[in-house]
Each structure stands twice: as C-alpha cells, then as structure tokens.
Amino acid sequence: MKPSGVTNTPSNLLLDAWPIMEWIQGKEPAASGFAALIESAILGETRLSMSRINHGEVVYLIRKNFSPELAAKFLNAFSNLPIVLLSVSDRLIDAAVEFKSNYRISFADAFAAAQAVELSVPLLTGDPDFLPLISDGGPLRLHWIGA
C-alpha cells in the first residue's frame, strides 16, 4: 500500500539504493516496478539519477552480500543502467547532516533525501526508513515502489 505523501507520475527520479538491491534480488513488487522505470529511462520518458554516495552504497552492498562471481555479474548489470551519477557538494553534505541529525536514518539515506530535496524531485524507494521524513509534511517527496 502506497503511503500518503508519495508521488504518482515520475518523469525525473532520484534513486535510493533500496530499489536497486530489490531489483537485483528479484524481490517483488519493487523488482518489476524498477524494471519498468529502467525501460522508461531507456525510452527517454524518465530520467533516473543517483548520488555518488548512494552509488557507493549499492556497490558496497553487492560486494558484501554476494559471492565474487555473483557480485561481478550484478555490478556489471548495475553499471549498465541508465542512471546519471551526481557529485556531492558541501551544501549537500550539510543538508544530509541535518537529515541525519533529525531522523533515525543511515547517512547514505540522508544523502538521498537531501539530494532529492535539493533537486526538487521524488526519491524512488520502498524503504520504510524514509516514511518519518514525509509524515511531518517536510519537503521530501517519495515515489514508492515497495509493498
């Protein structure tokens, strides 16, 4: 069920690590939802972007959770996705620190939230850790692909 405060029609999305890990592991409904967004990005209908911090988180999680052979396969698939990688500015670091100071989220999630707010785009996720960030009516918008 989609939580309130979640967007409906994405044309420009910032990615959290969560949907990519769900896609790699074939976990539904996120895997098919993310696959549809990849197709939409290939067709030029949706722009997918991701912070270099969250990109690093995905690489780390793949290396940590899979055998070297599977990790190589998944890293290759990940590197071929139509995702624009975004650098991290000092201003973004400060905004991430603010999110991390005020909510019980990981530092990588704080970067995803801060970058989505900075770019005024929805954050693509299904990670329930983000729900408190929208429940108080803050500036973060989510595009939910979780259960």
N, C-alpha and C. Protein backbone atom coordinates (compact mmCIF):
# COMPACT_ATOMS: atom_id res chain seq x y z
N MET A 1 0.84 -1.18 0.00
CA MET A 1 0.00 0.00 0.00
C MET A 1 0.88 1.24 0.00
N LYS A 2 0.58 2.18 -0.89
CA LYS A 2 1.37 3.38 -1.02
C LYS A 2 1.06 4.35 0.12
N PRO A 3 2.10 4.81 0.84
CA PRO A 3 1.86 5.76 1.93
C PRO A 3 1.46 7.13 1.40
N SER A 4 0.79 7.93 2.23
CA SER A 4 0.46 9.29 1.82
C SER A 4 1.75 10.10 1.70
N GLY A 5 1.72 11.15 0.89
CA GLY A 5 2.92 11.95 0.66
C GLY A 5 3.81 11.38 -0.42
N VAL A 6 3.26 10.46 -1.22
CA VAL A 6 4.03 9.77 -2.26
C VAL A 6 3.54 10.23 -3.62
N THR A 7 4.45 10.47 -4.55
CA THR A 7 4.09 10.96 -5.87
C THR A 7 3.55 9.84 -6.75
N ASN A 8 2.82 10.22 -7.80
CA ASN A 8 2.22 9.26 -8.70
C ASN A 8 2.93 9.15 -10.05
N THR A 9 3.27 10.24 -10.69
CA THR A 9 3.76 10.21 -12.06
C THR A 9 5.20 10.71 -12.14
N PRO A 10 6.15 9.81 -12.18
CA PRO A 10 7.54 10.26 -12.23
C PRO A 10 8.01 10.57 -13.66
N SER A 11 8.74 11.65 -13.81
CA SER A 11 9.45 11.90 -15.06
C SER A 11 10.92 12.15 -14.76
N ASN A 12 11.21 12.43 -13.52
CA ASN A 12 12.57 12.68 -13.07
C ASN A 12 12.65 12.15 -11.64
N LEU A 13 13.46 11.14 -11.42
CA LEU A 13 13.54 10.49 -10.11
C LEU A 13 14.97 10.40 -9.63
N LEU A 14 15.14 10.53 -8.34
CA LEU A 14 16.42 10.26 -7.70
C LEU A 14 16.32 8.90 -7.04
N LEU A 15 17.35 8.08 -7.21
CA LEU A 15 17.31 6.71 -6.69
C LEU A 15 17.98 6.59 -5.34
N ASP A 16 17.32 5.87 -4.48
CA ASP A 16 17.88 5.35 -3.25
C ASP A 16 18.53 4.01 -3.62
N ALA A 17 19.36 3.46 -2.78
CA ALA A 17 19.96 2.15 -3.03
C ALA A 17 18.91 1.03 -2.96
N TRP A 18 17.87 1.23 -2.17
CA TRP A 18 16.89 0.20 -1.90
C TRP A 18 16.27 -0.43 -3.16
N PRO A 19 15.74 0.36 -4.12
CA PRO A 19 15.11 -0.29 -5.27
C PRO A 19 16.09 -1.08 -6.12
N ILE A 20 17.33 -0.66 -6.17
CA ILE A 20 18.32 -1.39 -6.96
C ILE A 20 18.62 -2.73 -6.32
N MET A 21 18.76 -2.75 -5.01
CA MET A 21 19.02 -4.02 -4.33
C MET A 21 17.82 -4.95 -4.44
N GLU A 22 16.62 -4.42 -4.37
CA GLU A 22 15.42 -5.25 -4.54
C GLU A 22 15.36 -5.82 -5.96
N TRP A 23 15.70 -5.01 -6.94
CA TRP A 23 15.71 -5.42 -8.35
C TRP A 23 16.74 -6.54 -8.57
N ILE A 24 17.94 -6.34 -8.04
CA ILE A 24 19.00 -7.35 -8.19
C ILE A 24 18.56 -8.68 -7.59
N GLN A 25 17.87 -8.63 -6.46
CA GLN A 25 17.46 -9.85 -5.77
C GLN A 25 16.11 -10.38 -6.26
N GLY A 26 15.48 -9.69 -7.20
CA GLY A 26 14.20 -10.13 -7.75
C GLY A 26 13.05 -10.06 -6.77
N LYS A 27 13.12 -9.16 -5.80
CA LYS A 27 12.06 -9.03 -4.79
C LYS A 27 10.93 -8.15 -5.32
N GLU A 28 9.73 -8.72 -5.29
CA GLU A 28 8.55 -8.01 -5.78
C GLU A 28 7.81 -7.32 -4.63
N PRO A 29 7.13 -6.21 -4.92
CA PRO A 29 6.82 -5.65 -6.22
C PRO A 29 7.89 -4.69 -6.76
N ALA A 30 8.92 -4.44 -5.98
CA ALA A 30 9.93 -3.45 -6.37
C ALA A 30 10.67 -3.84 -7.65
N ALA A 31 11.01 -5.11 -7.80
CA ALA A 31 11.81 -5.53 -8.96
C ALA A 31 11.11 -5.20 -10.28
N SER A 32 9.85 -5.54 -10.40
CA SER A 32 9.15 -5.26 -11.66
C SER A 32 8.87 -3.76 -11.80
N GLY A 33 8.60 -3.08 -10.70
CA GLY A 33 8.41 -1.63 -10.76
C GLY A 33 9.66 -0.92 -11.21
N PHE A 34 10.81 -1.34 -10.69
CA PHE A 34 12.07 -0.72 -11.08
C PHE A 34 12.42 -1.08 -12.53
N ALA A 35 12.15 -2.32 -12.93
CA ALA A 35 12.40 -2.72 -14.32
C ALA A 35 11.60 -1.86 -15.29
N ALA A 36 10.36 -1.54 -14.93
CA ALA A 36 9.53 -0.68 -15.78
C ALA A 36 10.12 0.73 -15.87
N LEU A 37 10.66 1.21 -14.77
CA LEU A 37 11.29 2.54 -14.78
C LEU A 37 12.59 2.54 -15.59
N ILE A 38 13.33 1.45 -15.55
CA ILE A 38 14.52 1.34 -16.39
C ILE A 38 14.12 1.44 -17.86
N GLU A 39 13.09 0.69 -18.23
CA GLU A 39 12.59 0.73 -19.61
C GLU A 39 12.16 2.15 -19.98
N SER A 40 11.46 2.82 -19.08
CA SER A 40 11.03 4.19 -19.31
C SER A 40 12.23 5.12 -19.49
N ALA A 41 13.29 4.89 -18.73
CA ALA A 41 14.51 5.70 -18.86
C ALA A 41 15.20 5.43 -20.19
N ILE A 42 15.24 4.18 -20.61
CA ILE A 42 15.84 3.83 -21.90
C ILE A 42 15.08 4.53 -23.04
N LEU A 43 13.77 4.62 -22.91
CA LEU A 43 12.93 5.27 -23.92
C LEU A 43 12.97 6.79 -23.83
N GLY A 44 13.65 7.33 -22.80
CA GLY A 44 13.74 8.77 -22.63
C GLY A 44 12.54 9.41 -21.97
N GLU A 45 11.67 8.60 -21.38
CA GLU A 45 10.46 9.11 -20.74
C GLU A 45 10.70 9.50 -19.28
N THR A 46 11.68 8.89 -18.65
CA THR A 46 12.00 9.14 -17.25
C THR A 46 13.50 9.33 -17.13
N ARG A 47 13.90 10.27 -16.31
CA ARG A 47 15.32 10.48 -16.03
C ARG A 47 15.60 9.92 -14.64
N LEU A 48 16.54 8.99 -14.57
CA LEU A 48 16.95 8.39 -13.30
C LEU A 48 18.32 8.95 -12.92
N SER A 49 18.44 9.44 -11.70
CA SER A 49 19.73 9.93 -11.22
C SER A 49 19.97 9.38 -9.82
N MET A 50 21.22 9.47 -9.40
CA MET A 50 21.61 8.90 -8.10
C MET A 50 22.85 9.63 -7.60
N SER A 51 22.87 9.88 -6.31
CA SER A 51 24.05 10.46 -5.68
C SER A 51 25.21 9.47 -5.75
N ARG A 52 26.41 9.99 -5.90
CA ARG A 52 27.60 9.12 -5.87
C ARG A 52 27.69 8.39 -4.53
N ILE A 53 27.19 8.99 -3.47
CA ILE A 53 27.19 8.33 -2.16
C ILE A 53 26.33 7.07 -2.20
N ASN A 54 25.12 7.19 -2.77
CA ASN A 54 24.22 6.04 -2.84
C ASN A 54 24.71 5.01 -3.86
N HIS A 55 25.37 5.47 -4.90
CA HIS A 55 26.01 4.56 -5.84
C HIS A 55 27.05 3.71 -5.11
N GLY A 56 27.87 4.36 -4.29
CA GLY A 56 28.86 3.64 -3.49
C GLY A 56 28.22 2.66 -2.53
N GLU A 57 27.07 3.03 -1.98
CA GLU A 57 26.35 2.14 -1.08
C GLU A 57 25.92 0.86 -1.82
N VAL A 58 25.41 1.01 -3.04
CA VAL A 58 24.99 -0.15 -3.82
C VAL A 58 26.19 -1.06 -4.10
N VAL A 59 27.30 -0.48 -4.53
CA VAL A 59 28.50 -1.27 -4.82
C VAL A 59 28.94 -2.02 -3.56
N TYR A 60 28.96 -1.33 -2.44
CA TYR A 60 29.34 -1.95 -1.18
C TYR A 60 28.40 -3.11 -0.83
N LEU A 61 27.08 -2.87 -0.91
CA LEU A 61 26.11 -3.91 -0.56
C LEU A 61 26.23 -5.14 -1.47
N ILE A 62 26.47 -4.91 -2.74
CA ILE A 62 26.65 -6.03 -3.67
C ILE A 62 27.89 -6.82 -3.29
N ARG A 63 29.00 -6.12 -3.06
CA ARG A 63 30.25 -6.83 -2.70
C ARG A 63 30.12 -7.56 -1.38
N LYS A 64 29.40 -6.99 -0.44
CA LYS A 64 29.26 -7.56 0.89
C LYS A 64 28.35 -8.80 0.89
N ASN A 65 27.28 -8.76 0.10
CA ASN A 65 26.23 -9.77 0.22
C ASN A 65 26.26 -10.89 -0.81
N PHE A 66 27.16 -10.84 -1.76
CA PHE A 66 27.17 -11.87 -2.80
C PHE A 66 28.57 -12.42 -3.02
N SER A 67 28.62 -13.62 -3.55
CA SER A 67 29.91 -14.22 -3.90
C SER A 67 30.61 -13.34 -4.93
N PRO A 68 31.93 -13.46 -5.05
CA PRO A 68 32.63 -12.64 -6.05
C PRO A 68 32.06 -12.81 -7.47
N GLU A 69 31.65 -14.02 -7.82
CA GLU A 69 31.12 -14.26 -9.16
C GLU A 69 29.78 -13.54 -9.36
N LEU A 70 28.87 -13.70 -8.38
CA LEU A 70 27.58 -13.01 -8.47
C LEU A 70 27.76 -11.50 -8.36
N ALA A 71 28.66 -11.07 -7.50
CA ALA A 71 28.91 -9.63 -7.36
C ALA A 71 29.35 -9.03 -8.68
N ALA A 72 30.25 -9.71 -9.38
CA ALA A 72 30.72 -9.21 -10.67
C ALA A 72 29.56 -9.10 -11.66
N LYS A 73 28.70 -10.10 -11.67
CA LYS A 73 27.53 -10.09 -12.56
C LYS A 73 26.61 -8.92 -12.22
N PHE A 74 26.30 -8.76 -10.93
CA PHE A 74 25.39 -7.70 -10.50
C PHE A 74 26.00 -6.31 -10.70
N LEU A 75 27.30 -6.17 -10.43
CA LEU A 75 27.95 -4.88 -10.64
C LEU A 75 27.95 -4.50 -12.11
N ASN A 76 28.11 -5.47 -12.99
CA ASN A 76 28.05 -5.21 -14.42
C ASN A 76 26.64 -4.75 -14.81
N ALA A 77 25.62 -5.44 -14.32
CA ALA A 77 24.24 -5.05 -14.62
C ALA A 77 23.97 -3.64 -14.09
N PHE A 78 24.41 -3.36 -12.88
CA PHE A 78 24.21 -2.04 -12.27
C PHE A 78 24.91 -0.96 -13.08
N SER A 79 26.13 -1.21 -13.51
CA SER A 79 26.88 -0.19 -14.25
C SER A 79 26.28 0.11 -15.62
N ASN A 80 25.45 -0.79 -16.14
CA ASN A 80 24.82 -0.58 -17.44
C ASN A 80 23.44 0.06 -17.36
N LEU A 81 22.98 0.38 -16.16
CA LEU A 81 21.68 1.02 -16.02
C LEU A 81 21.75 2.48 -16.47
N PRO A 82 20.65 3.00 -17.02
CA PRO A 82 20.63 4.40 -17.48
C PRO A 82 20.43 5.37 -16.31
N ILE A 83 21.46 5.47 -15.47
CA ILE A 83 21.40 6.31 -14.28
C ILE A 83 22.48 7.38 -14.37
N VAL A 84 22.10 8.63 -14.18
CA VAL A 84 23.04 9.75 -14.15
C VAL A 84 23.58 9.85 -12.72
N LEU A 85 24.90 9.78 -12.56
CA LEU A 85 25.51 9.90 -11.24
C LEU A 85 25.80 11.36 -10.92
N LEU A 86 25.44 11.76 -9.71
CA LEU A 86 25.57 13.16 -9.28
C LEU A 86 26.63 13.30 -8.21
N SER A 87 27.48 14.29 -8.38
CA SER A 87 28.51 14.57 -7.39
C SER A 87 27.90 15.18 -6.13
N VAL A 88 28.69 15.21 -5.10
CA VAL A 88 28.24 15.70 -3.79
C VAL A 88 28.93 17.02 -3.49
N SER A 89 28.12 18.04 -3.20
CA SER A 89 28.66 19.36 -2.86
C SER A 89 28.73 19.52 -1.34
N ASP A 90 29.44 20.53 -0.90
CA ASP A 90 29.49 20.85 0.53
C ASP A 90 28.09 21.17 1.06
N ARG A 91 27.30 21.88 0.27
CA ARG A 91 25.93 22.22 0.66
C ARG A 91 25.09 20.96 0.87
N LEU A 92 25.28 19.97 -0.02
CA LEU A 92 24.54 18.72 0.11
C LEU A 92 24.98 17.95 1.36
N ILE A 93 26.27 17.97 1.65
CA ILE A 93 26.76 17.32 2.87
C ILE A 93 26.10 17.94 4.09
N ASP A 94 26.04 19.26 4.13
CA ASP A 94 25.40 19.94 5.26
C ASP A 94 23.93 19.57 5.37
N ALA A 95 23.23 19.47 4.25
CA ALA A 95 21.81 19.10 4.27
C ALA A 95 21.64 17.65 4.72
N ALA A 96 22.54 16.77 4.30
CA ALA A 96 22.48 15.37 4.74
C ALA A 96 22.72 15.27 6.25
N VAL A 97 23.66 16.05 6.75
CA VAL A 97 23.92 16.07 8.20
C VAL A 97 22.66 16.50 8.95
N GLU A 98 21.95 17.47 8.39
CA GLU A 98 20.71 17.94 9.02
C GLU A 98 19.67 16.82 9.08
N PHE A 99 19.48 16.10 7.97
CA PHE A 99 18.54 14.97 7.98
C PHE A 99 18.98 13.90 8.97
N LYS A 100 20.26 13.58 8.96
CA LYS A 100 20.78 12.53 9.85
C LYS A 100 20.62 12.94 11.31
N SER A 101 20.76 14.23 11.60
CA SER A 101 20.63 14.72 12.97
C SER A 101 19.19 14.68 13.47
N ASN A 102 18.24 14.74 12.55
CA ASN A 102 16.83 14.86 12.95
C ASN A 102 16.01 13.59 12.78
N TYR A 103 16.55 12.59 12.08
CA TYR A 103 15.81 11.36 11.82
C TYR A 103 16.70 10.15 12.02
N ARG A 104 16.08 9.02 12.33
CA ARG A 104 16.81 7.77 12.52
C ARG A 104 16.98 7.07 11.17
N ILE A 105 17.91 7.59 10.36
CA ILE A 105 18.20 7.03 9.04
C ILE A 105 19.70 6.90 8.89
N SER A 106 20.10 6.07 7.94
CA SER A 106 21.53 5.92 7.68
C SER A 106 22.06 7.19 7.03
N PHE A 107 23.37 7.34 7.06
CA PHE A 107 23.97 8.53 6.45
C PHE A 107 23.76 8.51 4.94
N ALA A 108 23.84 7.34 4.30
CA ALA A 108 23.58 7.25 2.86
C ALA A 108 22.14 7.65 2.56
N ASP A 109 21.19 7.22 3.38
CA ASP A 109 19.79 7.62 3.18
C ASP A 109 19.63 9.13 3.37
N ALA A 110 20.36 9.69 4.29
CA ALA A 110 20.31 11.14 4.50
C ALA A 110 20.77 11.88 3.24
N PHE A 111 21.78 11.35 2.57
CA PHE A 111 22.24 11.95 1.31
C PHE A 111 21.17 11.84 0.24
N ALA A 112 20.53 10.69 0.14
CA ALA A 112 19.47 10.52 -0.86
C ALA A 112 18.35 11.53 -0.61
N ALA A 113 17.92 11.65 0.64
CA ALA A 113 16.86 12.59 0.97
C ALA A 113 17.27 14.03 0.67
N ALA A 114 18.47 14.39 1.08
CA ALA A 114 18.95 15.76 0.86
C ALA A 114 19.05 16.08 -0.62
N GLN A 115 19.55 15.13 -1.41
CA GLN A 115 19.70 15.40 -2.85
C GLN A 115 18.33 15.49 -3.53
N ALA A 116 17.38 14.65 -3.13
CA ALA A 116 16.04 14.72 -3.71
C ALA A 116 15.40 16.08 -3.42
N VAL A 117 15.56 16.56 -2.19
CA VAL A 117 15.01 17.87 -1.83
C VAL A 117 15.72 18.96 -2.61
N GLU A 118 17.04 18.89 -2.69
CA GLU A 118 17.81 19.91 -3.42
C GLU A 118 17.39 19.99 -4.89
N LEU A 119 17.13 18.84 -5.50
CA LEU A 119 16.75 18.80 -6.91
C LEU A 119 15.25 18.97 -7.14
N SER A 120 14.47 18.97 -6.06
CA SER A 120 13.00 19.05 -6.13
C SER A 120 12.42 17.92 -6.98
N VAL A 121 12.92 16.70 -6.74
CA VAL A 121 12.42 15.51 -7.44
C VAL A 121 12.05 14.46 -6.40
N PRO A 122 11.14 13.55 -6.75
CA PRO A 122 10.82 12.47 -5.82
C PRO A 122 11.97 11.49 -5.68
N LEU A 123 12.08 10.91 -4.51
CA LEU A 123 13.06 9.87 -4.23
C LEU A 123 12.40 8.52 -4.48
N LEU A 124 13.00 7.72 -5.34
CA LEU A 124 12.47 6.38 -5.63
C LEU A 124 12.94 5.41 -4.56
N THR A 125 11.99 4.87 -3.82
CA THR A 125 12.33 3.95 -2.73
C THR A 125 11.11 3.13 -2.34
N GLY A 126 11.32 2.21 -1.47
CA GLY A 126 10.29 1.45 -0.81
C GLY A 126 10.75 1.16 0.60
N ASP A 127 11.81 1.85 0.99
CA ASP A 127 12.44 1.68 2.30
C ASP A 127 11.61 2.43 3.35
N PRO A 128 11.03 1.70 4.30
CA PRO A 128 10.19 2.36 5.31
C PRO A 128 10.95 3.34 6.19
N ASP A 129 12.27 3.31 6.19
CA ASP A 129 13.04 4.27 6.98
C ASP A 129 12.78 5.71 6.54
N PHE A 130 12.31 5.90 5.29
CA PHE A 130 12.05 7.25 4.80
C PHE A 130 10.68 7.78 5.21
N LEU A 131 9.78 6.93 5.65
CA LEU A 131 8.42 7.37 5.95
C LEU A 131 8.34 8.47 7.01
N PRO A 132 9.16 8.43 8.08
CA PRO A 132 9.09 9.55 9.04
C PRO A 132 9.48 10.89 8.42
N LEU A 133 10.26 10.89 7.35
CA LEU A 133 10.67 12.14 6.72
C LEU A 133 9.55 12.81 5.95
N ILE A 134 8.51 12.04 5.60
CA ILE A 134 7.38 12.65 4.90
C ILE A 134 6.16 12.81 5.80
N SER A 135 6.15 12.10 6.93
CA SER A 135 4.97 12.14 7.81
C SER A 135 4.79 13.49 8.48
N ASP A 136 5.87 14.26 8.62
CA ASP A 136 5.74 15.57 9.27
C ASP A 136 5.53 16.70 8.26
N GLY A 137 5.25 16.33 6.99
CA GLY A 137 4.97 17.35 5.98
C GLY A 137 6.20 18.08 5.48
N GLY A 138 7.37 17.49 5.64
CA GLY A 138 8.60 18.11 5.17
C GLY A 138 8.68 18.16 3.65
N PRO A 139 9.79 18.66 3.13
CA PRO A 139 9.92 18.90 1.69
C PRO A 139 10.23 17.64 0.85
N LEU A 140 10.51 16.52 1.50
CA LEU A 140 10.85 15.31 0.75
C LEU A 140 9.60 14.70 0.14
N ARG A 141 9.70 14.30 -1.14
CA ARG A 141 8.62 13.58 -1.82
C ARG A 141 9.17 12.20 -2.19
N LEU A 142 8.31 11.20 -2.08
CA LEU A 142 8.71 9.83 -2.40
C LEU A 142 7.91 9.30 -3.59
N HIS A 143 8.57 8.50 -4.42
CA HIS A 143 7.87 7.66 -5.40
C HIS A 143 8.06 6.25 -4.88
N TRP A 144 7.00 5.67 -4.37
CA TRP A 144 7.05 4.41 -3.61
C TRP A 144 6.91 3.21 -4.53
N ILE A 145 7.86 2.28 -4.46
CA ILE A 145 7.72 1.03 -5.22
C ILE A 145 7.81 -0.18 -4.29
N GLY A 146 7.64 0.05 -3.02
CA GLY A 146 7.66 -1.04 -2.05
C GLY A 146 6.27 -1.62 -1.86
N ALA A 147 6.22 -2.63 -1.02
CA ALA A 147 4.94 -3.28 -0.74
C ALA A 147 4.08 -2.42 0.16
